[in-house]
Amino acid sequence: MLADLPVTVRSLADFPGAPDVVEDGATYRANALKKAWSAVKFTGKPALADDTGLEVDALGGQPGLYAARFAGEGCTFQDNIRKLLHLLEGAPAERRGARFVCVIALAFPDGRERVVEGELRGRITESQVGVGGFGYDPVFYVPEAGRTLAELTADEKNRISHRRRALDKARAIILAD
């Protein structure tokens, strides 16, 4: 999604020995900034990092920051989906509202930092629909698309996703820099 920028975009895989970052912040912002600053310190280059989560209205915003490990450490996507659907069992559609959140932090070697956010609103289905994507995509219905994220092609998802919405804001910062 950043291939058309007038800069070379590289991943940490291009920098052998890059440290793993423990995502122990209390917010998406804290985790994204922690990862971005770790990359800046290791590479000496500007860095972009994100933290993403799923917030379900009926669950008071859970799983939130813990979306990837909602069912416990070492869990699979399917484990997370099963737990989510179990907790929402019997909940009517109007209580199944949810949003994916993506917070992107940009950090620069000169000490500057910027943080942007993107979101995608939808609702959690009663069962899995579709086979594409990953994570909660088979149970996240997007009204504007009329399908779950798992039913969309990668291009369709990349045009509307929470990550795309955050990246569009980050792109404007990168182009202005």
N, C-alpha and C. Protein backbone atom coordinates (compact mmCIF):
# COMPACT_ATOMS: atom_id res chain seq x y z
N MET A 1 0.81 -1.21 0.00
CA MET A 1 0.00 0.00 0.00
C MET A 1 0.85 1.27 0.00
N LEU A 2 2.15 1.12 0.18
CA LEU A 2 3.04 2.28 0.17
C LEU A 2 4.01 2.25 -1.01
N ALA A 3 3.81 1.32 -1.92
CA ALA A 3 4.76 1.12 -3.02
C ALA A 3 4.93 2.33 -3.92
N ASP A 4 3.92 3.18 -4.01
CA ASP A 4 4.01 4.33 -4.93
C ASP A 4 4.65 5.57 -4.31
N LEU A 5 5.11 5.48 -3.08
CA LEU A 5 5.76 6.63 -2.44
C LEU A 5 7.14 6.88 -3.06
N PRO A 6 7.58 8.13 -3.06
CA PRO A 6 8.90 8.45 -3.61
C PRO A 6 10.05 8.19 -2.62
N VAL A 7 9.88 7.17 -1.80
CA VAL A 7 10.91 6.75 -0.85
C VAL A 7 11.03 5.23 -0.95
N THR A 8 12.15 4.71 -0.52
CA THR A 8 12.32 3.26 -0.48
C THR A 8 11.73 2.75 0.82
N VAL A 9 10.76 1.87 0.73
CA VAL A 9 10.12 1.29 1.90
C VAL A 9 10.76 -0.07 2.15
N ARG A 10 11.30 -0.22 3.35
CA ARG A 10 11.93 -1.49 3.71
C ARG A 10 11.30 -1.98 5.01
N SER A 11 11.41 -3.28 5.24
CA SER A 11 10.90 -3.84 6.49
C SER A 11 12.06 -4.18 7.41
N LEU A 12 11.75 -4.51 8.64
CA LEU A 12 12.81 -4.89 9.57
C LEU A 12 13.51 -6.17 9.13
N ALA A 13 12.86 -6.96 8.27
CA ALA A 13 13.51 -8.16 7.74
C ALA A 13 14.75 -7.79 6.93
N ASP A 14 14.80 -6.55 6.44
CA ASP A 14 15.97 -6.07 5.70
C ASP A 14 17.11 -5.67 6.63
N PHE A 15 16.90 -5.74 7.92
CA PHE A 15 17.90 -5.34 8.92
C PHE A 15 18.13 -6.49 9.89
N PRO A 16 18.97 -7.44 9.52
CA PRO A 16 19.20 -8.61 10.39
C PRO A 16 19.60 -8.19 11.81
N GLY A 17 19.05 -8.91 12.76
CA GLY A 17 19.36 -8.64 14.16
C GLY A 17 18.46 -7.61 14.81
N ALA A 18 17.48 -7.12 14.07
CA ALA A 18 16.56 -6.15 14.67
C ALA A 18 15.87 -6.78 15.88
N PRO A 19 15.77 -6.04 16.97
CA PRO A 19 15.19 -6.62 18.19
C PRO A 19 13.67 -6.79 18.07
N ASP A 20 13.17 -7.81 18.73
CA ASP A 20 11.73 -7.97 18.88
C ASP A 20 11.26 -6.94 19.91
N VAL A 21 10.07 -6.44 19.72
CA VAL A 21 9.52 -5.46 20.65
C VAL A 21 8.32 -6.08 21.36
N VAL A 22 8.34 -6.05 22.67
CA VAL A 22 7.22 -6.55 23.46
C VAL A 22 6.15 -5.47 23.47
N GLU A 23 4.96 -5.83 23.02
CA GLU A 23 3.85 -4.87 22.97
C GLU A 23 3.15 -4.86 24.33
N ASP A 24 3.70 -4.11 25.25
CA ASP A 24 3.17 -4.07 26.60
C ASP A 24 2.60 -2.71 26.98
N GLY A 25 2.38 -1.85 25.97
CA GLY A 25 1.80 -0.55 26.22
C GLY A 25 0.33 -0.66 26.61
N ALA A 26 -0.18 0.39 27.24
CA ALA A 26 -1.57 0.41 27.67
C ALA A 26 -2.51 0.89 26.57
N THR A 27 -1.94 1.36 25.44
CA THR A 27 -2.75 1.86 24.33
C THR A 27 -2.12 1.43 23.01
N TYR A 28 -2.92 1.51 21.94
CA TYR A 28 -2.40 1.24 20.60
C TYR A 28 -1.26 2.22 20.31
N ARG A 29 -1.49 3.48 20.67
CA ARG A 29 -0.49 4.53 20.45
C ARG A 29 0.84 4.18 21.10
N ALA A 30 0.80 3.76 22.36
CA ALA A 30 2.02 3.43 23.07
C ALA A 30 2.76 2.28 22.39
N ASN A 31 2.04 1.26 21.98
CA ASN A 31 2.67 0.12 21.31
C ASN A 31 3.26 0.52 19.96
N ALA A 32 2.52 1.30 19.19
CA ALA A 32 3.02 1.73 17.88
C ALA A 32 4.27 2.58 18.02
N LEU A 33 4.24 3.52 18.96
CA LEU A 33 5.41 4.37 19.18
C LEU A 33 6.61 3.55 19.67
N LYS A 34 6.37 2.62 20.55
CA LYS A 34 7.46 1.79 21.07
C LYS A 34 8.14 1.04 19.92
N LYS A 35 7.33 0.47 19.03
CA LYS A 35 7.90 -0.27 17.89
C LYS A 35 8.62 0.66 16.92
N ALA A 36 8.04 1.82 16.65
CA ALA A 36 8.67 2.76 15.71
C ALA A 36 10.01 3.25 16.26
N TRP A 37 10.04 3.63 17.54
CA TRP A 37 11.30 4.13 18.12
C TRP A 37 12.35 3.03 18.21
N SER A 38 11.95 1.82 18.46
CA SER A 38 12.90 0.71 18.48
C SER A 38 13.56 0.57 17.10
N ALA A 39 12.75 0.68 16.05
CA ALA A 39 13.28 0.57 14.69
C ALA A 39 14.22 1.73 14.35
N VAL A 40 13.84 2.95 14.76
CA VAL A 40 14.70 4.12 14.52
C VAL A 40 16.05 3.93 15.22
N LYS A 41 16.01 3.51 16.47
CA LYS A 41 17.25 3.33 17.23
C LYS A 41 18.14 2.26 16.61
N PHE A 42 17.53 1.21 16.08
CA PHE A 42 18.31 0.12 15.51
C PHE A 42 18.86 0.46 14.12
N THR A 43 18.04 1.13 13.31
CA THR A 43 18.43 1.37 11.91
C THR A 43 19.02 2.75 11.65
N GLY A 44 18.67 3.72 12.50
CA GLY A 44 19.08 5.09 12.24
C GLY A 44 18.25 5.75 11.15
N LYS A 45 17.19 5.10 10.74
CA LYS A 45 16.32 5.58 9.66
C LYS A 45 14.93 5.92 10.21
N PRO A 46 14.17 6.76 9.49
CA PRO A 46 12.78 6.98 9.89
C PRO A 46 12.04 5.64 9.89
N ALA A 47 11.05 5.53 10.75
CA ALA A 47 10.32 4.27 10.86
C ALA A 47 8.83 4.50 11.01
N LEU A 48 8.09 3.53 10.54
CA LEU A 48 6.64 3.50 10.63
C LEU A 48 6.28 2.18 11.28
N ALA A 49 5.42 2.21 12.27
CA ALA A 49 4.97 0.99 12.94
C ALA A 49 3.50 1.16 13.31
N ASP A 50 2.82 0.04 13.43
CA ASP A 50 1.41 0.13 13.78
C ASP A 50 1.06 -0.80 14.92
N ASP A 51 -0.08 -0.54 15.50
CA ASP A 51 -0.73 -1.47 16.41
C ASP A 51 -2.20 -1.46 16.03
N THR A 52 -2.77 -2.62 16.05
CA THR A 52 -4.13 -2.78 15.55
C THR A 52 -4.94 -3.63 16.52
N GLY A 53 -6.22 -3.34 16.60
CA GLY A 53 -7.08 -4.13 17.47
C GLY A 53 -8.51 -4.13 16.99
N LEU A 54 -9.30 -4.97 17.61
CA LEU A 54 -10.73 -5.09 17.34
C LEU A 54 -11.47 -4.74 18.61
N GLU A 55 -12.41 -3.80 18.52
CA GLU A 55 -13.21 -3.39 19.67
C GLU A 55 -14.67 -3.70 19.40
N VAL A 56 -15.26 -4.50 20.27
CA VAL A 56 -16.65 -4.92 20.11
C VAL A 56 -17.51 -4.20 21.14
N ASP A 57 -18.54 -3.52 20.66
CA ASP A 57 -19.39 -2.70 21.53
C ASP A 57 -19.98 -3.49 22.69
N ALA A 58 -20.58 -4.65 22.41
CA ALA A 58 -21.24 -5.44 23.45
C ALA A 58 -20.27 -5.97 24.50
N LEU A 59 -18.98 -5.94 24.18
CA LEU A 59 -17.97 -6.45 25.11
C LEU A 59 -17.16 -5.31 25.74
N GLY A 60 -17.72 -4.10 25.69
CA GLY A 60 -17.05 -2.96 26.30
C GLY A 60 -15.71 -2.64 25.67
N GLY A 61 -15.57 -2.93 24.39
CA GLY A 61 -14.32 -2.63 23.68
C GLY A 61 -13.34 -3.79 23.61
N GLN A 62 -13.68 -4.92 24.22
CA GLN A 62 -12.81 -6.10 24.10
C GLN A 62 -12.95 -6.68 22.71
N PRO A 63 -11.99 -7.38 22.21
CA PRO A 63 -10.70 -7.70 22.80
C PRO A 63 -9.68 -6.56 22.77
N GLY A 64 -9.90 -5.51 22.00
CA GLY A 64 -9.03 -4.34 22.00
C GLY A 64 -7.58 -4.66 21.71
N LEU A 65 -6.71 -4.18 22.58
CA LEU A 65 -5.26 -4.39 22.43
C LEU A 65 -4.89 -5.87 22.39
N TYR A 66 -5.74 -6.69 22.97
CA TYR A 66 -5.43 -8.11 23.11
C TYR A 66 -6.06 -8.98 22.03
N ALA A 67 -6.45 -8.36 20.92
CA ALA A 67 -7.16 -9.08 19.86
C ALA A 67 -6.39 -10.30 19.36
N ALA A 68 -5.08 -10.18 19.22
CA ALA A 68 -4.29 -11.29 18.68
C ALA A 68 -4.16 -12.45 19.66
N ARG A 69 -4.31 -12.19 20.94
CA ARG A 69 -4.17 -13.24 21.95
C ARG A 69 -5.40 -13.29 22.87
N PHE A 70 -6.55 -12.98 22.30
CA PHE A 70 -7.80 -12.92 23.05
C PHE A 70 -8.11 -14.24 23.75
N ALA A 71 -7.85 -15.35 23.09
CA ALA A 71 -8.13 -16.67 23.67
C ALA A 71 -6.96 -17.21 24.48
N GLY A 72 -5.93 -16.41 24.69
CA GLY A 72 -4.78 -16.83 25.49
C GLY A 72 -3.50 -16.88 24.67
N GLU A 73 -2.38 -16.92 25.36
CA GLU A 73 -1.08 -16.98 24.69
C GLU A 73 -1.02 -18.24 23.82
N GLY A 74 -0.45 -18.09 22.64
CA GLY A 74 -0.29 -19.22 21.73
C GLY A 74 -1.56 -19.63 21.01
N CYS A 75 -2.62 -18.84 21.13
CA CYS A 75 -3.89 -19.19 20.49
C CYS A 75 -3.82 -18.96 18.98
N THR A 76 -4.76 -19.55 18.28
CA THR A 76 -4.86 -19.38 16.83
C THR A 76 -5.97 -18.38 16.52
N PHE A 77 -6.04 -17.95 15.25
CA PHE A 77 -7.14 -17.08 14.82
C PHE A 77 -8.47 -17.76 15.12
N GLN A 78 -8.55 -19.06 14.85
CA GLN A 78 -9.81 -19.78 15.08
C GLN A 78 -10.17 -19.81 16.56
N ASP A 79 -9.19 -19.95 17.42
CA ASP A 79 -9.45 -19.91 18.87
C ASP A 79 -10.07 -18.56 19.26
N ASN A 80 -9.51 -17.49 18.72
CA ASN A 80 -10.02 -16.14 19.02
C ASN A 80 -11.45 -15.97 18.52
N ILE A 81 -11.70 -16.43 17.30
CA ILE A 81 -13.04 -16.32 16.73
C ILE A 81 -14.04 -17.12 17.56
N ARG A 82 -13.68 -18.34 17.94
CA ARG A 82 -14.58 -19.16 18.75
C ARG A 82 -14.92 -18.47 20.07
N LYS A 83 -13.92 -17.89 20.71
CA LYS A 83 -14.17 -17.20 21.98
C LYS A 83 -15.08 -16.00 21.76
N LEU A 84 -14.80 -15.22 20.73
CA LEU A 84 -15.61 -14.04 20.45
C LEU A 84 -17.07 -14.43 20.19
N LEU A 85 -17.29 -15.41 19.32
CA LEU A 85 -18.66 -15.83 19.00
C LEU A 85 -19.36 -16.41 20.22
N HIS A 86 -18.63 -17.11 21.06
CA HIS A 86 -19.22 -17.66 22.29
C HIS A 86 -19.68 -16.52 23.21
N LEU A 87 -18.84 -15.51 23.37
CA LEU A 87 -19.21 -14.38 24.25
C LEU A 87 -20.39 -13.59 23.70
N LEU A 88 -20.56 -13.59 22.39
CA LEU A 88 -21.66 -12.84 21.76
C LEU A 88 -22.89 -13.71 21.48
N GLU A 89 -22.84 -14.96 21.88
CA GLU A 89 -23.94 -15.88 21.63
C GLU A 89 -25.25 -15.29 22.13
N GLY A 90 -26.24 -15.22 21.24
CA GLY A 90 -27.55 -14.70 21.60
C GLY A 90 -27.67 -13.18 21.53
N ALA A 91 -26.57 -12.48 21.31
CA ALA A 91 -26.63 -11.01 21.23
C ALA A 91 -27.27 -10.61 19.90
N PRO A 92 -28.25 -9.70 19.94
CA PRO A 92 -28.89 -9.26 18.70
C PRO A 92 -27.93 -8.40 17.86
N ALA A 93 -28.25 -8.26 16.59
CA ALA A 93 -27.39 -7.52 15.64
C ALA A 93 -27.06 -6.12 16.14
N GLU A 94 -28.02 -5.44 16.76
CA GLU A 94 -27.76 -4.06 17.20
C GLU A 94 -26.74 -3.97 18.34
N ARG A 95 -26.42 -5.09 18.97
CA ARG A 95 -25.39 -5.09 20.03
C ARG A 95 -24.07 -5.64 19.53
N ARG A 96 -23.99 -6.00 18.25
CA ARG A 96 -22.78 -6.61 17.69
C ARG A 96 -21.88 -5.61 16.95
N GLY A 97 -22.14 -4.32 17.15
CA GLY A 97 -21.31 -3.31 16.53
C GLY A 97 -19.85 -3.48 16.93
N ALA A 98 -18.96 -3.18 16.00
CA ALA A 98 -17.53 -3.34 16.27
C ALA A 98 -16.74 -2.40 15.38
N ARG A 99 -15.48 -2.23 15.74
CA ARG A 99 -14.61 -1.46 14.87
C ARG A 99 -13.20 -2.04 14.95
N PHE A 100 -12.57 -2.07 13.78
CA PHE A 100 -11.14 -2.35 13.73
C PHE A 100 -10.45 -1.00 13.83
N VAL A 101 -9.39 -0.94 14.61
CA VAL A 101 -8.61 0.27 14.81
C VAL A 101 -7.17 -0.01 14.41
N CYS A 102 -6.58 0.92 13.67
CA CYS A 102 -5.16 0.84 13.34
C CYS A 102 -4.52 2.18 13.70
N VAL A 103 -3.53 2.14 14.56
CA VAL A 103 -2.78 3.33 14.93
C VAL A 103 -1.38 3.19 14.35
N ILE A 104 -0.97 4.18 13.58
CA ILE A 104 0.35 4.18 12.96
C ILE A 104 1.19 5.30 13.56
N ALA A 105 2.39 4.92 13.98
CA ALA A 105 3.35 5.90 14.50
C ALA A 105 4.48 6.05 13.50
N LEU A 106 4.84 7.29 13.24
CA LEU A 106 6.02 7.59 12.43
C LEU A 106 7.03 8.24 13.38
N ALA A 107 8.25 7.73 13.37
CA ALA A 107 9.30 8.28 14.22
C ALA A 107 10.50 8.61 13.34
N PHE A 108 11.15 9.71 13.66
CA PHE A 108 12.26 10.20 12.84
C PHE A 108 13.52 10.33 13.69
N PRO A 109 14.69 10.07 13.09
CA PRO A 109 15.95 10.14 13.85
C PRO A 109 16.19 11.48 14.54
N ASP A 110 15.58 12.56 14.05
CA ASP A 110 15.78 13.86 14.68
C ASP A 110 14.87 14.08 15.90
N GLY A 111 14.11 13.05 16.28
CA GLY A 111 13.27 13.13 17.48
C GLY A 111 11.80 13.40 17.24
N ARG A 112 11.45 13.75 16.02
CA ARG A 112 10.03 14.00 15.74
C ARG A 112 9.25 12.69 15.72
N GLU A 113 7.97 12.81 16.06
CA GLU A 113 7.07 11.67 15.95
C GLU A 113 5.68 12.17 15.60
N ARG A 114 4.96 11.35 14.88
CA ARG A 114 3.57 11.65 14.50
C ARG A 114 2.78 10.36 14.64
N VAL A 115 1.53 10.49 15.04
CA VAL A 115 0.68 9.33 15.21
C VAL A 115 -0.66 9.60 14.53
N VAL A 116 -1.14 8.64 13.76
CA VAL A 116 -2.42 8.76 13.07
C VAL A 116 -3.24 7.50 13.34
N GLU A 117 -4.54 7.61 13.11
CA GLU A 117 -5.44 6.48 13.36
C GLU A 117 -6.41 6.30 12.21
N GLY A 118 -6.73 5.06 11.95
CA GLY A 118 -7.78 4.72 10.99
C GLY A 118 -8.71 3.72 11.63
N GLU A 119 -9.96 3.74 11.23
CA GLU A 119 -10.91 2.76 11.76
C GLU A 119 -11.83 2.28 10.67
N LEU A 120 -12.37 1.10 10.89
CA LEU A 120 -13.38 0.53 10.01
C LEU A 120 -14.49 0.01 10.90
N ARG A 121 -15.69 0.58 10.73
CA ARG A 121 -16.84 0.15 11.53
C ARG A 121 -17.56 -0.99 10.82
N GLY A 122 -18.11 -1.85 11.63
CA GLY A 122 -18.88 -2.98 11.11
C GLY A 122 -19.61 -3.66 12.24
N ARG A 123 -19.88 -4.94 12.04
CA ARG A 123 -20.52 -5.71 13.11
C ARG A 123 -20.03 -7.15 13.05
N ILE A 124 -20.13 -7.81 14.17
CA ILE A 124 -19.70 -9.21 14.27
C ILE A 124 -20.87 -10.10 13.88
N THR A 125 -20.63 -11.00 12.94
CA THR A 125 -21.65 -11.93 12.48
C THR A 125 -21.87 -13.03 13.51
N GLU A 126 -22.90 -13.85 13.28
CA GLU A 126 -23.17 -14.95 14.20
C GLU A 126 -22.35 -16.19 13.87
N SER A 127 -21.81 -16.23 12.66
CA SER A 127 -20.97 -17.36 12.26
C SER A 127 -19.96 -16.87 11.22
N GLN A 128 -19.00 -17.70 10.91
CA GLN A 128 -17.97 -17.32 9.95
C GLN A 128 -18.50 -17.37 8.52
N VAL A 129 -18.13 -16.34 7.75
CA VAL A 129 -18.53 -16.26 6.35
C VAL A 129 -17.32 -15.82 5.54
N GLY A 130 -16.95 -16.63 4.54
CA GLY A 130 -15.81 -16.29 3.69
C GLY A 130 -14.55 -17.00 4.12
N VAL A 131 -13.59 -17.05 3.20
CA VAL A 131 -12.35 -17.79 3.48
C VAL A 131 -11.09 -16.94 3.30
N GLY A 132 -11.24 -15.69 2.88
CA GLY A 132 -10.07 -14.85 2.65
C GLY A 132 -9.61 -14.15 3.91
N GLY A 133 -8.55 -13.36 3.76
CA GLY A 133 -8.05 -12.55 4.86
C GLY A 133 -7.45 -13.37 5.98
N PHE A 134 -7.51 -12.83 7.18
CA PHE A 134 -6.95 -13.50 8.34
C PHE A 134 -7.62 -12.95 9.60
N GLY A 135 -7.27 -13.51 10.72
CA GLY A 135 -7.80 -13.02 11.99
C GLY A 135 -9.31 -13.08 12.05
N TYR A 136 -9.90 -11.97 12.41
CA TYR A 136 -11.35 -11.89 12.60
C TYR A 136 -12.12 -11.61 11.31
N ASP A 137 -11.45 -11.56 10.18
CA ASP A 137 -12.10 -11.21 8.91
C ASP A 137 -13.37 -12.02 8.61
N PRO A 138 -13.42 -13.34 8.90
CA PRO A 138 -14.65 -14.10 8.58
C PRO A 138 -15.87 -13.73 9.42
N VAL A 139 -15.68 -12.98 10.51
CA VAL A 139 -16.83 -12.61 11.35
C VAL A 139 -17.04 -11.11 11.42
N PHE A 140 -16.29 -10.35 10.61
CA PHE A 140 -16.43 -8.89 10.61
C PHE A 140 -17.15 -8.46 9.34
N TYR A 141 -18.44 -8.12 9.51
CA TYR A 141 -19.27 -7.70 8.39
C TYR A 141 -19.14 -6.19 8.20
N VAL A 142 -18.90 -5.79 6.95
CA VAL A 142 -18.72 -4.37 6.62
C VAL A 142 -19.95 -3.91 5.83
N PRO A 143 -20.82 -3.11 6.45
CA PRO A 143 -22.04 -2.68 5.76
C PRO A 143 -21.78 -2.00 4.41
N GLU A 144 -20.75 -1.15 4.34
CA GLU A 144 -20.49 -0.45 3.08
C GLU A 144 -20.09 -1.39 1.95
N ALA A 145 -19.60 -2.56 2.29
CA ALA A 145 -19.22 -3.56 1.27
C ALA A 145 -20.30 -4.62 1.10
N GLY A 146 -21.19 -4.75 2.11
CA GLY A 146 -22.24 -5.76 2.05
C GLY A 146 -21.73 -7.17 2.21
N ARG A 147 -20.52 -7.32 2.76
CA ARG A 147 -19.89 -8.63 2.95
C ARG A 147 -18.95 -8.58 4.15
N THR A 148 -18.49 -9.76 4.56
CA THR A 148 -17.45 -9.80 5.58
C THR A 148 -16.11 -9.49 4.92
N LEU A 149 -15.14 -9.12 5.74
CA LEU A 149 -13.80 -8.87 5.19
C LEU A 149 -13.23 -10.12 4.52
N ALA A 150 -13.60 -11.29 5.02
CA ALA A 150 -13.11 -12.54 4.43
C ALA A 150 -13.70 -12.82 3.06
N GLU A 151 -14.77 -12.14 2.70
CA GLU A 151 -15.38 -12.31 1.38
C GLU A 151 -14.83 -11.34 0.35
N LEU A 152 -14.06 -10.37 0.80
CA LEU A 152 -13.51 -9.37 -0.12
C LEU A 152 -12.20 -9.86 -0.72
N THR A 153 -11.89 -9.38 -1.90
CA THR A 153 -10.56 -9.64 -2.46
C THR A 153 -9.56 -8.80 -1.68
N ALA A 154 -8.29 -9.11 -1.81
CA ALA A 154 -7.26 -8.33 -1.12
C ALA A 154 -7.32 -6.87 -1.57
N ASP A 155 -7.54 -6.62 -2.86
CA ASP A 155 -7.63 -5.24 -3.35
C ASP A 155 -8.82 -4.51 -2.75
N GLU A 156 -9.97 -5.19 -2.69
CA GLU A 156 -11.16 -4.56 -2.11
C GLU A 156 -10.93 -4.22 -0.64
N LYS A 157 -10.35 -5.16 0.10
CA LYS A 157 -10.08 -4.93 1.52
C LYS A 157 -9.08 -3.79 1.69
N ASN A 158 -8.04 -3.79 0.87
CA ASN A 158 -7.01 -2.75 0.99
C ASN A 158 -7.53 -1.36 0.65
N ARG A 159 -8.63 -1.26 -0.06
CA ARG A 159 -9.21 0.06 -0.36
C ARG A 159 -10.02 0.64 0.79
N ILE A 160 -10.56 -0.21 1.67
CA ILE A 160 -11.46 0.28 2.72
C ILE A 160 -10.99 0.01 4.14
N SER A 161 -9.96 -0.74 4.32
CA SER A 161 -9.59 -1.20 5.66
C SER A 161 -9.15 -0.08 6.60
N HIS A 162 -9.18 -0.38 7.86
CA HIS A 162 -8.69 0.51 8.91
C HIS A 162 -7.22 0.83 8.69
N ARG A 163 -6.47 -0.16 8.25
CA ARG A 163 -5.04 0.04 8.00
C ARG A 163 -4.86 1.00 6.83
N ARG A 164 -5.66 0.85 5.78
CA ARG A 164 -5.58 1.75 4.63
C ARG A 164 -5.90 3.18 5.05
N ARG A 165 -6.92 3.34 5.87
CA ARG A 165 -7.32 4.68 6.31
C ARG A 165 -6.22 5.34 7.13
N ALA A 166 -5.54 4.56 7.97
CA ALA A 166 -4.42 5.11 8.73
C ALA A 166 -3.22 5.37 7.82
N LEU A 167 -2.96 4.46 6.89
CA LEU A 167 -1.83 4.64 5.97
C LEU A 167 -2.02 5.85 5.08
N ASP A 168 -3.25 6.14 4.68
CA ASP A 168 -3.48 7.34 3.87
C ASP A 168 -3.07 8.60 4.64
N LYS A 169 -3.34 8.63 5.93
CA LYS A 169 -2.93 9.77 6.76
C LYS A 169 -1.41 9.79 6.92
N ALA A 170 -0.81 8.62 7.11
CA ALA A 170 0.65 8.54 7.24
C ALA A 170 1.32 8.95 5.93
N ARG A 171 0.75 8.55 4.82
CA ARG A 171 1.28 8.90 3.50
C ARG A 171 1.38 10.43 3.34
N ALA A 172 0.35 11.13 3.79
CA ALA A 172 0.37 12.60 3.69
C ALA A 172 1.52 13.19 4.50
N ILE A 173 1.80 12.60 5.66
CA ILE A 173 2.91 13.07 6.49
C ILE A 173 4.24 12.80 5.80
N ILE A 174 4.38 11.60 5.24
CA ILE A 174 5.62 11.22 4.56
C ILE A 174 5.87 12.14 3.36
N LEU A 175 4.83 12.40 2.60
CA LEU A 175 4.98 13.25 1.40
C LEU A 175 5.29 14.69 1.78
N ALA A 176 4.82 15.15 2.94
CA ALA A 176 5.08 16.52 3.37
C ALA A 176 6.47 16.68 3.99
N ASP A 177 7.05 15.56 4.41
CA ASP A 177 8.33 15.62 5.12
C ASP A 177 9.50 15.89 4.18
